[in-house]
Protein backbone atom coordinates (compact mmCIF):
# COMPACT_ATOMS: atom_id res chain seq x y z
CA MET A 1 168.30 -28.57 -252.41
CA LYS A 2 167.82 -31.52 -249.90
CA LYS A 3 167.58 -34.79 -251.95
CA PHE A 4 164.83 -37.43 -250.96
CA THR A 5 166.71 -40.31 -250.92
CA TYR A 6 166.75 -43.03 -248.09
CA LEU A 7 168.56 -46.18 -247.03
CA LEU A 8 166.77 -49.32 -246.64
CA PHE A 9 166.97 -49.46 -243.30
CA ALA A 10 166.40 -46.04 -242.59
CA MET A 11 162.18 -46.81 -244.13
CA LEU A 12 162.11 -50.07 -242.01
CA LEU A 13 162.83 -48.08 -239.14
CA PHE A 14 160.35 -45.06 -239.92
CA THR A 15 158.08 -45.02 -236.69
CA ALA A 16 156.02 -42.10 -236.81
CA CYS A 17 152.70 -42.58 -235.21
CA ARG A 18 149.42 -41.48 -236.01
CA GLU A 19 146.56 -42.40 -234.53
CA ASP A 20 143.46 -43.55 -236.17
CA ASP A 21 145.18 -42.42 -239.62
CA GLU A 22 146.96 -44.66 -242.27
CA ILE A 23 150.88 -44.45 -242.29
CA PHE A 24 152.55 -43.60 -245.46
CA ILE A 25 156.45 -44.94 -245.62
CA PRO A 26 158.70 -42.92 -248.01
CA GLU A 27 160.58 -45.14 -250.15
CA SER A 28 163.04 -44.98 -253.07
CA ILE A 29 164.15 -46.39 -256.29
CA ASN A 30 166.75 -45.31 -259.04
CA VAL A 31 164.65 -44.82 -262.16
CA SER A 32 167.00 -43.29 -264.11
CA ASN A 33 170.74 -42.06 -264.94
CA PRO A 34 171.25 -38.54 -263.56
CA GLU A 35 170.52 -35.18 -265.36
CA PHE A 36 172.31 -32.04 -264.56
CA THR A 37 170.11 -29.09 -265.91
CA SER A 38 168.89 -25.85 -264.17
CA ILE A 39 165.79 -28.38 -263.45
CA THR A 40 167.01 -30.34 -260.75
CA GLY A 41 163.94 -32.27 -260.06
CA PHE A 42 160.05 -32.03 -259.57
CA TYR A 43 157.21 -32.80 -256.88
CA LEU A 44 154.24 -34.94 -258.08
CA LEU A 45 150.86 -34.57 -255.98
CA ASN A 46 148.75 -37.56 -255.87
CA GLU A 47 145.09 -36.86 -255.60
CA GLY A 48 143.88 -39.88 -253.66
CA ASN A 49 140.45 -41.31 -253.76
CA MET A 50 137.86 -38.40 -252.64
CA GLY A 51 136.83 -39.50 -248.34
CA SER A 52 139.92 -41.94 -247.97
CA ASN A 53 142.69 -39.25 -246.62
CA LYS A 54 145.15 -40.49 -248.68
CA SER A 55 146.37 -37.72 -250.94
CA THR A 56 150.48 -37.97 -250.78
CA LEU A 57 153.30 -36.43 -252.49
CA ASP A 58 156.32 -37.88 -254.19
CA TYR A 59 159.57 -36.38 -255.41
CA TYR A 60 161.88 -36.99 -258.55
CA ASP A 61 165.43 -35.60 -258.20
CA CYS A 62 166.82 -35.42 -261.41
CA THR A 63 170.68 -35.21 -260.31
CA THR A 64 170.60 -38.53 -258.99
CA GLY A 65 167.62 -40.75 -260.92
CA VAL A 66 166.03 -40.97 -257.98
CA TYR A 67 162.30 -41.26 -257.17
CA THR A 68 161.16 -41.46 -253.97
CA ARG A 69 157.58 -41.91 -252.58
CA ASN A 70 155.33 -40.58 -250.02
CA ILE A 71 157.92 -37.93 -248.50
CA TYR A 72 155.48 -35.36 -246.74
CA GLY A 73 154.90 -37.64 -243.88
CA ASN A 74 158.39 -38.46 -243.25
CA ALA A 75 159.14 -34.50 -243.64
CA ASN A 76 156.10 -33.72 -241.09
CA PRO A 77 155.55 -36.75 -238.45
CA ASP A 78 154.12 -34.37 -236.01
CA VAL A 79 151.15 -33.61 -239.03
CA PRO A 80 148.24 -35.75 -237.67
CA LYS A 81 146.43 -36.48 -240.98
CA GLU A 82 149.55 -36.12 -243.30
CA MET A 83 148.45 -34.11 -246.41
CA GLY A 84 144.36 -34.71 -246.07
CA ASP A 85 141.63 -35.41 -248.88
CA VAL A 86 142.21 -34.71 -252.48
CA GLY A 87 145.30 -33.16 -253.73
CA ASN A 88 143.93 -30.65 -256.85
CA ASP A 89 146.75 -28.51 -257.70
CA ILE A 90 150.45 -27.75 -257.07
CA ALA A 91 153.08 -25.35 -257.26
CA ILE A 92 156.21 -23.58 -256.72
CA TYR A 93 156.59 -19.58 -255.77
CA GLY A 94 159.99 -18.44 -254.55
CA ASN A 95 161.36 -20.93 -251.83
CA ARG A 96 157.61 -22.20 -250.83
CA LEU A 97 155.90 -25.35 -252.51
CA TYR A 98 151.96 -24.70 -252.11
CA ALA A 99 149.96 -27.97 -252.68
CA VAL A 100 145.90 -27.72 -252.92
CA ILE A 101 144.19 -29.94 -250.68
CA ASN A 102 140.27 -29.83 -251.93
CA CYS A 103 138.45 -31.71 -249.68
CA SER A 104 140.48 -30.78 -246.45
CA ASN A 105 139.36 -26.94 -247.36
CA LYS A 106 143.31 -25.81 -247.18
CA VAL A 107 146.56 -24.88 -249.13
CA GLU A 108 149.65 -26.56 -247.64
CA VAL A 109 152.46 -24.46 -247.88
CA MET A 110 155.91 -26.16 -247.58
CA ASP A 111 159.66 -25.45 -247.68
CA VAL A 112 160.50 -26.57 -251.56
CA ALA A 113 163.90 -27.79 -250.52
CA THR A 114 162.61 -29.90 -247.66
CA ALA A 115 158.58 -30.44 -247.93
CA LYS A 116 158.77 -29.22 -244.21
CA ARG A 117 155.29 -27.58 -243.27
CA ILE A 118 155.34 -23.79 -242.85
CA GLY A 119 151.90 -23.42 -242.38
CA GLN A 120 148.40 -23.67 -244.23
CA ILE A 121 145.85 -21.31 -245.69
CA ASP A 122 142.24 -22.15 -245.24
CA ILE A 123 140.18 -22.23 -248.35
CA PRO A 124 136.68 -24.43 -248.75
CA ASN A 125 136.82 -26.13 -251.68
CA CYS A 126 139.66 -25.06 -253.02
CA ARG A 127 140.72 -26.27 -256.55
CA TYR A 128 143.34 -24.30 -258.20
CA ILE A 129 145.72 -21.89 -257.50
CA LYS A 130 148.46 -19.05 -259.28
CA PHE A 131 150.69 -16.37 -258.50
CA HIS A 132 151.61 -12.66 -258.95
CA LYS A 133 153.36 -10.13 -257.26
CA GLY A 134 153.41 -11.33 -253.78
CA TYR A 135 150.03 -12.81 -253.89
CA THR A 136 148.46 -16.38 -254.68
CA TYR A 137 144.86 -16.56 -256.19
CA VAL A 138 143.13 -19.33 -255.29
CA THR A 139 139.67 -20.43 -257.25
CA SER A 140 137.10 -22.10 -254.48
CA TYR A 141 133.96 -23.70 -254.63
CA ALA A 142 133.23 -22.19 -251.63
CA GLY A 143 130.19 -24.59 -250.62
CA PRO A 144 130.15 -28.46 -249.82
CA VAL A 145 130.51 -31.11 -252.27
CA GLU A 146 127.36 -32.09 -253.55
CA ILE A 147 126.05 -32.69 -256.87
CA ASN A 148 122.58 -30.07 -257.07
CA PRO A 149 120.66 -28.61 -259.87
CA ASP A 150 119.54 -26.35 -257.04
CA TYR A 151 123.14 -25.44 -255.54
CA GLN A 152 122.87 -21.92 -254.30
CA GLN A 153 126.41 -21.27 -253.11
CA ILE A 154 128.43 -19.57 -255.88
CA GLY A 155 132.13 -19.63 -256.32
CA TYR A 156 135.25 -17.33 -255.89
CA VAL A 157 138.53 -16.61 -256.16
CA ALA A 158 140.40 -15.85 -252.76
CA LYS A 159 143.64 -13.13 -252.72
CA VAL A 160 146.00 -14.59 -250.25
CA ASP A 161 149.35 -12.42 -248.65
CA THR A 162 151.97 -15.21 -249.48
CA ALA A 163 153.98 -13.44 -246.35
CA SER A 164 151.22 -14.17 -243.78
CA LEU A 165 149.30 -16.86 -245.82
CA GLU A 166 145.91 -14.87 -244.98
CA VAL A 167 143.22 -14.42 -247.09
CA VAL A 168 142.94 -10.86 -247.52
CA ASP A 169 140.28 -10.26 -250.09
CA ARG A 170 137.54 -12.37 -252.49
CA CYS A 171 135.86 -11.76 -255.61
CA LEU A 172 132.62 -13.74 -256.63
CA VAL A 173 132.34 -15.34 -260.00
CA GLY A 174 130.34 -18.42 -260.98
CA PHE A 175 129.73 -21.59 -259.93
CA GLN A 176 132.35 -24.32 -259.31
CA PRO A 177 135.22 -21.85 -260.34
CA ASP A 178 137.81 -24.33 -261.58
CA GLY A 179 141.27 -23.09 -263.72
CA ILE A 180 142.68 -19.71 -263.20
CA GLU A 181 145.32 -17.75 -265.52
CA ILE A 182 147.14 -14.60 -264.83
CA MET A 183 147.76 -12.23 -267.91
CA GLY A 184 148.46 -8.86 -267.90
CA ASP A 185 146.54 -7.18 -265.28
CA LYS A 186 143.75 -9.37 -266.00
CA ILE A 187 142.88 -12.60 -263.99
CA TYR A 188 140.53 -15.68 -266.21
CA VAL A 189 138.63 -17.78 -264.31
CA ALA A 190 136.94 -21.06 -265.77
CA ASN A 191 133.57 -21.50 -264.27
CA SER A 192 132.48 -25.12 -264.49
CA GLY A 193 128.87 -25.57 -262.48
CA GLY A 194 129.26 -28.99 -262.04
CA TYR A 195 127.75 -29.29 -259.35
CA ILE A 196 124.55 -28.03 -261.33
CA VAL A 197 124.51 -30.83 -263.76
CA PRO A 198 122.80 -30.55 -266.25
CA ASN A 199 122.33 -26.32 -266.29
CA TYR A 200 126.32 -26.20 -266.46
CA GLU A 201 128.07 -22.89 -266.57
CA ASN A 202 129.76 -21.59 -269.48
CA THR A 203 131.84 -18.84 -268.89
CA VAL A 204 135.25 -17.46 -268.11
CA SER A 205 134.94 -14.70 -265.54
CA VAL A 206 137.51 -11.73 -266.03
CA ILE A 207 138.65 -10.53 -262.92
CA ASP A 208 140.77 -6.76 -262.92
CA ILE A 209 143.83 -7.35 -260.70
CA ASN A 210 144.32 -3.90 -259.51
CA THR A 211 140.60 -3.38 -258.13
CA PHE A 212 139.77 -7.05 -257.65
CA GLU A 213 136.71 -7.44 -259.21
CA GLU A 214 134.89 -9.26 -262.03
CA VAL A 215 134.64 -6.93 -264.72
CA GLU A 216 133.73 -9.08 -267.45
CA GLN A 217 132.36 -12.80 -268.24
CA ILE A 218 133.49 -14.42 -271.57
CA GLU A 219 130.82 -17.45 -272.87
CA VAL A 220 132.86 -19.80 -273.88
CA ALA A 221 131.10 -23.86 -274.06
CA VAL A 222 129.66 -25.75 -271.33
CA ASN A 223 131.57 -27.19 -267.88
CA LEU A 224 134.91 -25.42 -268.60
CA HIS A 225 138.00 -26.86 -267.15
CA TYR A 226 141.44 -25.33 -267.81
CA VAL A 227 142.64 -22.03 -268.43
CA VAL A 228 146.29 -21.22 -270.11
CA ALA A 229 147.97 -18.64 -271.74
CA ASP A 230 149.99 -18.84 -274.75
CA ASN A 231 153.15 -16.63 -275.62
CA HIS A 232 150.85 -14.62 -278.47
CA GLY A 233 148.03 -13.06 -276.52
CA CYS A 234 145.63 -16.24 -276.50
CA LEU A 235 143.61 -18.19 -273.85
CA TRP A 236 143.70 -21.87 -274.64
CA ILE A 237 140.19 -22.67 -272.67
CA SER A 238 139.13 -26.54 -272.11
CA SER A 239 135.35 -28.01 -271.83
CA ARG A 240 134.68 -31.35 -270.40
CA GLY A 241 131.45 -31.13 -272.21
CA ASP A 242 128.20 -32.75 -270.76
CA TYR A 243 129.37 -36.44 -271.49
CA TYR A 244 126.30 -36.86 -273.63
CA GLU A 245 125.74 -35.10 -276.90
CA THR A 246 128.41 -32.18 -275.98
CA SER A 247 131.69 -33.48 -276.32
CA SER A 248 135.18 -31.96 -274.63
CA ARG A 249 136.66 -29.65 -277.01
CA LEU A 250 139.61 -27.11 -276.68
CA TYR A 251 138.95 -23.19 -277.60
CA CYS A 252 141.30 -20.44 -278.40
CA TYR A 253 140.45 -17.24 -277.35
CA ASP A 254 142.39 -13.94 -278.47
CA VAL A 255 142.33 -11.94 -275.21
CA ARG A 256 143.78 -8.40 -277.55
CA LYS A 257 140.63 -8.68 -280.17
CA LYS A 258 138.34 -9.89 -277.54
CA ARG A 259 136.86 -13.10 -279.63
CA MET A 260 137.21 -16.58 -279.83
CA VAL A 261 139.80 -17.45 -282.57
CA THR A 262 138.84 -21.13 -283.32
CA SER A 263 137.57 -24.56 -281.61
CA LEU A 264 139.31 -27.78 -281.86
CA ASP A 265 137.88 -31.25 -281.81
CA VAL A 266 140.69 -32.17 -279.01
CA PRO A 267 139.37 -33.61 -275.58
CA VAL A 268 141.31 -32.83 -272.40
CA SER A 269 141.28 -34.47 -269.26
CA ASP A 270 144.60 -32.61 -268.84
CA MET A 271 147.27 -30.09 -270.62
CA CYS A 272 149.91 -28.06 -270.02
CA ILE A 273 152.02 -25.62 -272.30
CA GLN A 274 155.37 -25.84 -273.38
CA GLY A 275 156.90 -23.15 -275.91
CA ASP A 276 154.44 -23.32 -278.97
CA SER A 277 152.77 -26.69 -278.05
CA ILE A 278 150.17 -27.70 -275.76
CA TYR A 279 150.42 -31.50 -274.60
CA VAL A 280 147.26 -32.77 -273.53
CA VAL A 281 145.93 -36.63 -272.41
CA SER A 282 142.42 -37.62 -272.21
CA ALA A 283 140.16 -40.26 -271.04
CA GLY A 284 137.12 -38.59 -272.04
CA TRP A 285 133.72 -40.48 -270.66
CA SER A 286 130.62 -41.06 -272.80
CA HIS A 287 127.25 -41.76 -270.91
CA ILE A 288 126.14 -42.60 -274.66
CA THR A 289 128.68 -45.33 -275.66
CA SER A 290 129.54 -45.93 -271.72
CA SER A 291 133.22 -46.25 -272.95
CA TYR A 292 136.11 -43.80 -272.59
CA ASN A 293 137.74 -42.13 -275.49
CA VAL A 294 141.60 -42.02 -275.03
CA THR A 295 143.79 -39.57 -276.79
CA TYR A 296 147.42 -38.28 -276.43
CA SER A 297 147.41 -34.80 -278.51
CA ILE A 298 149.49 -31.98 -279.73
CA VAL A 299 148.47 -28.71 -280.45
CA ASP A 300 150.50 -26.39 -282.16
CA VAL A 301 149.49 -22.70 -281.01
CA ASN A 302 150.69 -21.08 -283.94
CA LEU A 303 149.22 -23.06 -286.54
CA LYS A 304 146.01 -23.50 -283.94
CA THR A 305 145.97 -27.02 -285.31
CA LYS A 306 146.27 -30.59 -283.78
CA VAL A 307 149.75 -31.79 -284.60
CA THR A 308 148.97 -35.45 -283.41
CA ASP A 309 145.89 -37.85 -281.58
CA ASN A 310 149.06 -40.06 -280.16
CA PHE A 311 152.55 -38.32 -279.49
CA ILE A 312 153.33 -41.80 -277.83
CA THR A 313 155.08 -43.63 -280.42
CA ASP A 314 156.50 -46.99 -279.55
CA GLY A 315 153.39 -49.17 -278.47
CA THR A 316 153.44 -47.62 -274.45
CA ASP A 317 150.43 -46.14 -274.83
CA ALA A 318 148.55 -49.82 -274.78
CA LYS A 319 149.87 -50.36 -270.77
CA ILE A 320 148.43 -47.51 -269.95
CA LYS A 321 144.82 -47.73 -268.54
CA MET A 322 143.46 -44.15 -267.54
CA PRO A 323 145.85 -41.35 -268.62
CA TYR A 324 145.22 -38.80 -265.82
CA GLY A 325 147.89 -36.30 -265.62
CA ILE A 326 150.74 -34.29 -268.06
CA ALA A 327 153.97 -32.04 -267.71
CA VAL A 328 156.75 -31.47 -269.95
CA ASN A 329 160.36 -30.62 -268.81
CA PRO A 330 161.08 -27.52 -269.91
CA ILE A 331 164.53 -28.03 -270.42
CA THR A 332 164.96 -31.90 -271.66
CA LYS A 333 161.35 -31.66 -273.30
CA GLU A 334 160.59 -35.09 -271.62
CA ILE A 335 157.24 -35.80 -271.40
CA TYR A 336 155.75 -37.26 -268.08
CA VAL A 337 152.01 -39.11 -268.31
CA THR A 338 150.63 -40.53 -265.45
CA ASP A 339 148.24 -43.45 -265.03
CA ALA A 340 145.70 -43.28 -262.48
CA LYS A 341 144.31 -47.08 -263.35
CA ASN A 342 141.42 -47.81 -261.37
CA TYR A 343 141.97 -44.84 -259.26
CA VAL A 344 142.17 -46.91 -256.01
CA ASN A 345 145.28 -48.50 -256.42
CA PRO A 346 149.08 -47.06 -256.83
CA GLY A 347 149.22 -45.45 -260.28
CA THR A 348 152.17 -45.64 -262.36
CA LEU A 349 154.31 -42.53 -263.92
CA TYR A 350 155.73 -42.74 -267.57
CA CYS A 351 158.79 -40.63 -268.94
CA PHE A 352 158.65 -40.54 -272.23
CA ASP A 353 161.66 -38.47 -274.33
CA ASN A 354 160.38 -35.87 -276.77
CA ASP A 355 160.12 -38.21 -279.80
CA GLY A 356 157.45 -40.23 -277.69
CA LYS A 357 159.71 -43.43 -276.77
CA LEU A 358 159.23 -44.28 -273.08
CA LYS A 359 162.55 -43.86 -270.97
CA TRP A 360 161.52 -45.24 -267.78
CA SER A 361 158.03 -45.51 -265.34
CA VAL A 362 157.68 -46.14 -261.76
CA ARG A 363 154.78 -46.70 -259.24
CA THR A 364 153.55 -43.47 -257.87
CA GLY A 365 150.82 -43.10 -254.88
CA ASP A 366 147.15 -43.34 -255.66
CA ILE A 367 145.93 -41.09 -258.77
CA PRO A 368 148.93 -39.54 -259.49
CA ALA A 369 148.26 -35.78 -261.10
CA HIS A 370 149.98 -32.77 -260.62
CA PHE A 371 153.32 -31.50 -261.17
CA ALA A 372 155.75 -28.76 -260.12
CA PHE A 373 159.11 -28.22 -261.22
CA VAL A 374 162.52 -27.52 -259.31
CA GLY A 375 164.61 -25.18 -260.82
CA GLU A 376 165.44 -21.43 -261.48
CA GLN A 377 164.43 -22.10 -265.19
CA THR A 378 161.10 -23.20 -263.71
CA ILE A 379 159.36 -20.98 -261.37
CA GLN A 380 156.86 -19.62 -263.83
CA ASN A 381 154.04 -18.97 -261.89
CA GLU A 382 156.15 -15.54 -260.46
CA GLN A 383 154.40 -12.65 -262.95
């Protein structure tokens, strides 16, 4: 595993030029003591403000305690626009790193050890990614970025051969499909309808993975976002709500019994599942109050109840302006929370121990959002 650590003089001598594009210089900082587990580090994809072409990639090396910003440009000096516009998801499959770059209409494919570019998959308005037996499945809004209640372009899921990086099939779903999950021989897709406000979608599309056809639609709630599977046969589905009377909530659907088990008053901006716990951050906006409601929740998937509204126990939450992304190290159980601040300037990554106490923090790129852990225990996308 190549470590992304750079000496100061190397940073100063970094001169790769991109005509008419902003250059991002890699920079490294020691943030913690080394840790030696099967998790060797993680990538953090910074979204960058839409239209700014400022999506960047950071890397934290657990074995050295060094956090390095803006590694993509240094690894790929010949790529004209670097990562591109709005990084929306990131995942590892085999020895490759996949970054979904939404408004650049591509999935960037890199070597997981070096971040060196291997190629790209062209998918319009792509959103989220999942893998299964040699294929990657990517949700796509299909059409341009446009808020329009009369929007006509239905979304789809693209099936991509990971060997050739070619799109080999498409399955139509609902309007503006977002989160995607695979359980057994079915693909589950959360349709948002985010462009056709106020007539949001309210369904999860079910795709038979063998025929690659939609076989069912499950009604859940308006403006769906994420869908994740637990280890007990249930899907956990988040709704953003309508930002007025209908609030963001978390829903639990039993796949085997084909019924909704419960819905919880847990607003969700981002969430991840680790073991039998779902970790959630939320900064839900309300047009009625013209304010954000910030929470840091944990949900017990066995009891199907909320355990806490604030897993940060040392007061650090008072420093966080806009909680945006979350991840949990499956070995150490450290909790990582990102702060997007004002969505324009660099954000901050906070690392908490399992008791919710701050271990370290570091500056990131703009709008830090999506994580991919590196290590043999964490290549979890392969089914």
